[in-house]
N, C-alpha and C. Protein backbone atom coordinates (compact mmCIF):
# COMPACT_ATOMS: atom_id res chain seq x y z
N MET A 1 -14.98 -15.66 -5.57
CA MET A 1 -15.07 -16.54 -6.71
C MET A 1 -16.53 -16.77 -7.08
N TYR A 2 -16.73 -17.31 -8.22
CA TYR A 2 -18.08 -17.60 -8.68
C TYR A 2 -18.24 -19.11 -8.81
N ASP A 3 -19.49 -19.56 -8.89
CA ASP A 3 -19.79 -20.99 -8.90
C ASP A 3 -19.74 -21.62 -10.28
N ALA A 4 -19.73 -20.81 -11.33
CA ALA A 4 -19.75 -21.39 -12.68
C ALA A 4 -18.44 -22.10 -12.97
N SER A 5 -18.51 -23.31 -13.46
CA SER A 5 -17.33 -24.08 -13.81
C SER A 5 -17.36 -24.41 -15.29
N VAL A 6 -16.19 -24.54 -15.87
CA VAL A 6 -16.06 -24.92 -17.26
C VAL A 6 -15.24 -26.19 -17.29
N ARG A 7 -15.77 -27.21 -17.94
CA ARG A 7 -15.04 -28.47 -18.08
C ARG A 7 -14.29 -28.46 -19.39
N THR A 8 -13.07 -28.94 -19.35
CA THR A 8 -12.27 -29.04 -20.56
C THR A 8 -11.29 -30.19 -20.40
N THR A 9 -10.71 -30.60 -21.48
CA THR A 9 -9.72 -31.67 -21.45
C THR A 9 -8.36 -31.07 -21.76
N LEU A 10 -7.39 -31.39 -20.93
CA LEU A 10 -6.02 -30.93 -21.13
C LEU A 10 -5.11 -32.12 -21.37
N THR A 11 -4.16 -31.95 -22.25
CA THR A 11 -3.12 -32.96 -22.42
C THR A 11 -1.85 -32.37 -21.83
N LEU A 12 -1.36 -32.97 -20.76
CA LEU A 12 -0.20 -32.45 -20.04
C LEU A 12 1.06 -33.23 -20.41
N ASP A 13 2.16 -32.54 -20.48
CA ASP A 13 3.45 -33.21 -20.63
C ASP A 13 3.74 -33.96 -19.34
N PRO A 14 4.49 -35.05 -19.42
CA PRO A 14 4.76 -35.85 -18.22
C PRO A 14 5.42 -35.06 -17.09
N ASP A 15 6.33 -34.14 -17.43
CA ASP A 15 7.00 -33.38 -16.37
C ASP A 15 6.02 -32.44 -15.67
N VAL A 16 5.10 -31.84 -16.43
CA VAL A 16 4.10 -30.94 -15.83
C VAL A 16 3.16 -31.75 -14.94
N HIS A 17 2.76 -32.92 -15.40
CA HIS A 17 1.89 -33.78 -14.59
C HIS A 17 2.58 -34.13 -13.28
N GLY A 18 3.86 -34.44 -13.36
CA GLY A 18 4.62 -34.77 -12.14
C GLY A 18 4.68 -33.60 -11.18
N LEU A 19 4.90 -32.40 -11.71
CA LEU A 19 4.94 -31.22 -10.85
C LEU A 19 3.59 -30.98 -10.17
N LEU A 20 2.52 -31.16 -10.93
CA LEU A 20 1.19 -30.98 -10.34
C LEU A 20 0.90 -32.04 -9.27
N GLU A 21 1.28 -33.28 -9.55
CA GLU A 21 1.07 -34.35 -8.57
C GLU A 21 1.84 -34.07 -7.29
N ARG A 22 3.06 -33.55 -7.43
CA ARG A 22 3.86 -33.22 -6.24
C ARG A 22 3.17 -32.11 -5.44
N ARG A 23 2.63 -31.11 -6.14
CA ARG A 23 1.93 -30.02 -5.45
C ARG A 23 0.70 -30.55 -4.73
N VAL A 24 -0.01 -31.50 -5.36
CA VAL A 24 -1.19 -32.12 -4.73
C VAL A 24 -0.78 -32.78 -3.41
N ARG A 25 0.30 -33.55 -3.45
CA ARG A 25 0.78 -34.24 -2.24
C ARG A 25 1.26 -33.26 -1.19
N ASP A 26 2.08 -32.29 -1.61
CA ASP A 26 2.69 -31.36 -0.65
C ASP A 26 1.67 -30.47 0.03
N ARG A 27 0.67 -30.03 -0.71
CA ARG A 27 -0.30 -29.07 -0.16
C ARG A 27 -1.60 -29.72 0.29
N GLY A 28 -1.77 -30.98 -0.04
CA GLY A 28 -3.00 -31.66 0.36
C GLY A 28 -4.24 -31.08 -0.30
N ILE A 29 -4.11 -30.75 -1.59
CA ILE A 29 -5.23 -30.18 -2.33
C ILE A 29 -5.59 -31.12 -3.48
N SER A 30 -6.72 -30.83 -4.10
CA SER A 30 -7.14 -31.66 -5.22
C SER A 30 -6.33 -31.33 -6.47
N PHE A 31 -6.33 -32.26 -7.42
CA PHE A 31 -5.63 -32.04 -8.68
C PHE A 31 -6.23 -30.83 -9.40
N LYS A 32 -7.56 -30.71 -9.36
CA LYS A 32 -8.25 -29.59 -9.99
C LYS A 32 -7.76 -28.27 -9.39
N GLN A 33 -7.66 -28.22 -8.07
CA GLN A 33 -7.21 -27.00 -7.40
C GLN A 33 -5.76 -26.68 -7.76
N ALA A 34 -4.92 -27.72 -7.86
CA ALA A 34 -3.51 -27.51 -8.21
C ALA A 34 -3.39 -26.93 -9.62
N VAL A 35 -4.19 -27.46 -10.56
CA VAL A 35 -4.16 -26.95 -11.94
C VAL A 35 -4.64 -25.50 -11.97
N ASN A 36 -5.75 -25.21 -11.30
CA ASN A 36 -6.29 -23.85 -11.29
C ASN A 36 -5.31 -22.86 -10.65
N ASP A 37 -4.68 -23.25 -9.52
CA ASP A 37 -3.72 -22.36 -8.86
C ASP A 37 -2.53 -22.09 -9.77
N ALA A 38 -2.03 -23.14 -10.42
CA ALA A 38 -0.87 -22.98 -11.31
C ALA A 38 -1.21 -22.08 -12.49
N LEU A 39 -2.38 -22.25 -13.06
CA LEU A 39 -2.80 -21.40 -14.19
C LEU A 39 -2.97 -19.95 -13.75
N ARG A 40 -3.60 -19.74 -12.59
CA ARG A 40 -3.76 -18.37 -12.09
C ARG A 40 -2.41 -17.71 -11.87
N ALA A 41 -1.49 -18.43 -11.25
CA ALA A 41 -0.16 -17.87 -10.98
C ALA A 41 0.56 -17.56 -12.29
N GLY A 42 0.48 -18.46 -13.25
CA GLY A 42 1.16 -18.27 -14.52
C GLY A 42 0.56 -17.17 -15.36
N LEU A 43 -0.73 -16.94 -15.19
CA LEU A 43 -1.41 -15.91 -15.99
C LEU A 43 -1.50 -14.57 -15.27
N GLY A 44 -0.87 -14.48 -14.11
CA GLY A 44 -0.84 -13.21 -13.39
C GLY A 44 -2.04 -12.97 -12.52
N GLY A 45 -2.90 -13.94 -12.34
CA GLY A 45 -4.07 -13.77 -11.50
C GLY A 45 -3.93 -14.48 -10.17
N ASP A 46 -2.71 -14.53 -9.65
CA ASP A 46 -2.45 -15.20 -8.38
C ASP A 46 -3.31 -14.58 -7.29
N THR A 47 -4.00 -15.40 -6.54
CA THR A 47 -4.90 -14.89 -5.51
C THR A 47 -4.15 -14.46 -4.26
N GLU A 48 -2.94 -14.94 -4.06
CA GLU A 48 -2.16 -14.55 -2.88
C GLU A 48 -1.45 -13.23 -3.16
N GLU A 49 -1.59 -12.28 -2.23
CA GLU A 49 -0.87 -11.03 -2.35
C GLU A 49 0.55 -11.26 -1.88
N ARG A 50 1.50 -10.99 -2.73
CA ARG A 50 2.89 -11.18 -2.37
C ARG A 50 3.61 -9.84 -2.35
N GLU A 51 4.53 -9.72 -1.42
CA GLU A 51 5.36 -8.53 -1.40
C GLU A 51 6.47 -8.71 -2.43
N PRO A 52 6.90 -7.64 -3.04
CA PRO A 52 7.96 -7.77 -4.04
C PRO A 52 9.23 -8.31 -3.38
N TYR A 53 9.97 -9.12 -4.14
CA TYR A 53 11.22 -9.67 -3.62
C TYR A 53 12.23 -8.56 -3.45
N ARG A 54 12.91 -8.57 -2.34
CA ARG A 54 13.95 -7.58 -2.08
C ARG A 54 15.27 -8.31 -1.85
N THR A 55 16.30 -7.84 -2.51
CA THR A 55 17.62 -8.42 -2.34
C THR A 55 18.22 -7.88 -1.05
N PRO A 56 18.64 -8.77 -0.14
CA PRO A 56 19.24 -8.28 1.09
C PRO A 56 20.58 -7.60 0.83
N THR A 57 20.85 -6.58 1.60
CA THR A 57 22.13 -5.87 1.48
C THR A 57 22.86 -5.96 2.81
N PHE A 58 24.17 -5.86 2.75
CA PHE A 58 24.99 -5.96 3.94
C PHE A 58 26.07 -4.90 3.89
N ARG A 59 26.39 -4.32 5.04
CA ARG A 59 27.49 -3.37 5.13
C ARG A 59 28.79 -4.16 5.07
N MET A 60 29.68 -3.74 4.22
CA MET A 60 30.95 -4.44 4.06
C MET A 60 32.10 -3.70 4.73
N GLY A 61 31.82 -2.58 5.34
CA GLY A 61 32.88 -1.82 5.97
C GLY A 61 33.72 -1.10 4.95
N LEU A 62 34.71 -0.38 5.44
CA LEU A 62 35.60 0.35 4.55
C LEU A 62 36.59 -0.62 3.94
N MET A 63 36.79 -0.49 2.65
CA MET A 63 37.67 -1.41 1.95
C MET A 63 38.99 -0.74 1.55
N GLY A 64 39.15 0.49 1.87
CA GLY A 64 40.37 1.19 1.50
C GLY A 64 40.04 2.59 1.01
N PRO A 65 41.05 3.31 0.56
CA PRO A 65 40.81 4.69 0.15
C PRO A 65 40.14 4.81 -1.22
N GLU A 66 40.09 3.72 -1.99
CA GLU A 66 39.51 3.79 -3.32
C GLU A 66 37.99 3.89 -3.24
N ARG A 67 37.45 4.67 -4.10
CA ARG A 67 35.99 4.79 -4.16
C ARG A 67 35.48 3.76 -5.15
N LEU A 68 34.53 2.94 -4.72
CA LEU A 68 34.04 1.87 -5.59
C LEU A 68 33.15 2.40 -6.70
N ASP A 69 32.64 3.61 -6.57
CA ASP A 69 31.84 4.16 -7.66
C ASP A 69 32.73 4.60 -8.82
N LYS A 70 34.03 4.56 -8.62
CA LYS A 70 34.99 4.88 -9.69
C LYS A 70 35.86 3.66 -9.99
N ALA A 71 35.26 2.46 -9.90
CA ALA A 71 36.01 1.22 -10.02
C ALA A 71 36.66 1.07 -11.40
N LEU A 72 35.98 1.44 -12.46
CA LEU A 72 36.57 1.31 -13.80
C LEU A 72 37.75 2.26 -13.98
N GLN A 73 37.62 3.46 -13.44
CA GLN A 73 38.73 4.41 -13.51
C GLN A 73 39.91 3.87 -12.73
N LEU A 74 39.67 3.33 -11.54
CA LEU A 74 40.74 2.75 -10.73
C LEU A 74 41.40 1.59 -11.46
N ALA A 75 40.61 0.71 -12.08
CA ALA A 75 41.16 -0.43 -12.81
C ALA A 75 42.05 0.06 -13.96
N GLY A 76 41.63 1.08 -14.66
CA GLY A 76 42.43 1.64 -15.75
C GLY A 76 43.75 2.22 -15.24
N GLU A 77 43.70 2.94 -14.12
CA GLU A 77 44.92 3.52 -13.55
C GLU A 77 45.89 2.43 -13.11
N LEU A 78 45.36 1.37 -12.48
CA LEU A 78 46.22 0.27 -12.05
C LEU A 78 46.84 -0.45 -13.24
N GLU A 79 46.05 -0.62 -14.29
CA GLU A 79 46.58 -1.27 -15.50
C GLU A 79 47.67 -0.41 -16.14
N ASP A 80 47.44 0.90 -16.19
CA ASP A 80 48.44 1.81 -16.74
C ASP A 80 49.74 1.75 -15.94
N ALA A 81 49.61 1.76 -14.62
CA ALA A 81 50.79 1.70 -13.75
C ALA A 81 51.56 0.40 -13.97
N GLU A 82 50.85 -0.71 -14.13
CA GLU A 82 51.51 -1.99 -14.36
C GLU A 82 52.22 -2.01 -15.72
N LEU A 83 51.60 -1.43 -16.75
CA LEU A 83 52.24 -1.35 -18.06
C LEU A 83 53.52 -0.51 -18.01
N LEU A 84 53.45 0.61 -17.30
CA LEU A 84 54.63 1.46 -17.17
C LEU A 84 55.75 0.74 -16.42
N ARG A 85 55.38 -0.02 -15.38
CA ARG A 85 56.36 -0.78 -14.61
C ARG A 85 57.05 -1.82 -15.49
N ARG A 86 56.26 -2.54 -16.30
CA ARG A 86 56.83 -3.56 -17.18
C ARG A 86 57.73 -2.94 -18.26
N MET A 87 57.31 -1.79 -18.78
CA MET A 87 58.13 -1.12 -19.79
C MET A 87 59.44 -0.66 -19.19
N ALA A 88 59.42 -0.22 -17.94
CA ALA A 88 60.65 0.24 -17.28
C ALA A 88 61.60 -0.92 -17.06
N LEU A 89 61.10 -2.12 -16.85
CA LEU A 89 61.95 -3.29 -16.64
C LEU A 89 62.67 -3.71 -17.92
N ARG A 90 62.12 -3.43 -19.07
CA ARG A 90 62.70 -3.82 -20.36
C ARG A 90 63.91 -2.96 -20.72
N LYS A 91 64.00 -1.76 -20.19
CA LYS A 91 65.08 -0.82 -20.56
C LYS A 91 66.41 -1.24 -20.02
């Protein structure tokens, strides 16, 4: 970082002020630091290197003979079979 500072006046909405005050309390940092950190994070200049979020996956085991990559085809076949069954009952 560099030592040059720029002073400015900000008018904050009450909810934003509350969020910043909570961050000040939770992290034990100054209000100035909380504002600067929030602005950096919002503007894409976050100083912390973060790993990309990864969605956890889980093995669900075998669910039957149907292939889930053909789920729409299976749904159509099941719907067709049900329609044929209902039509047969009307006769």
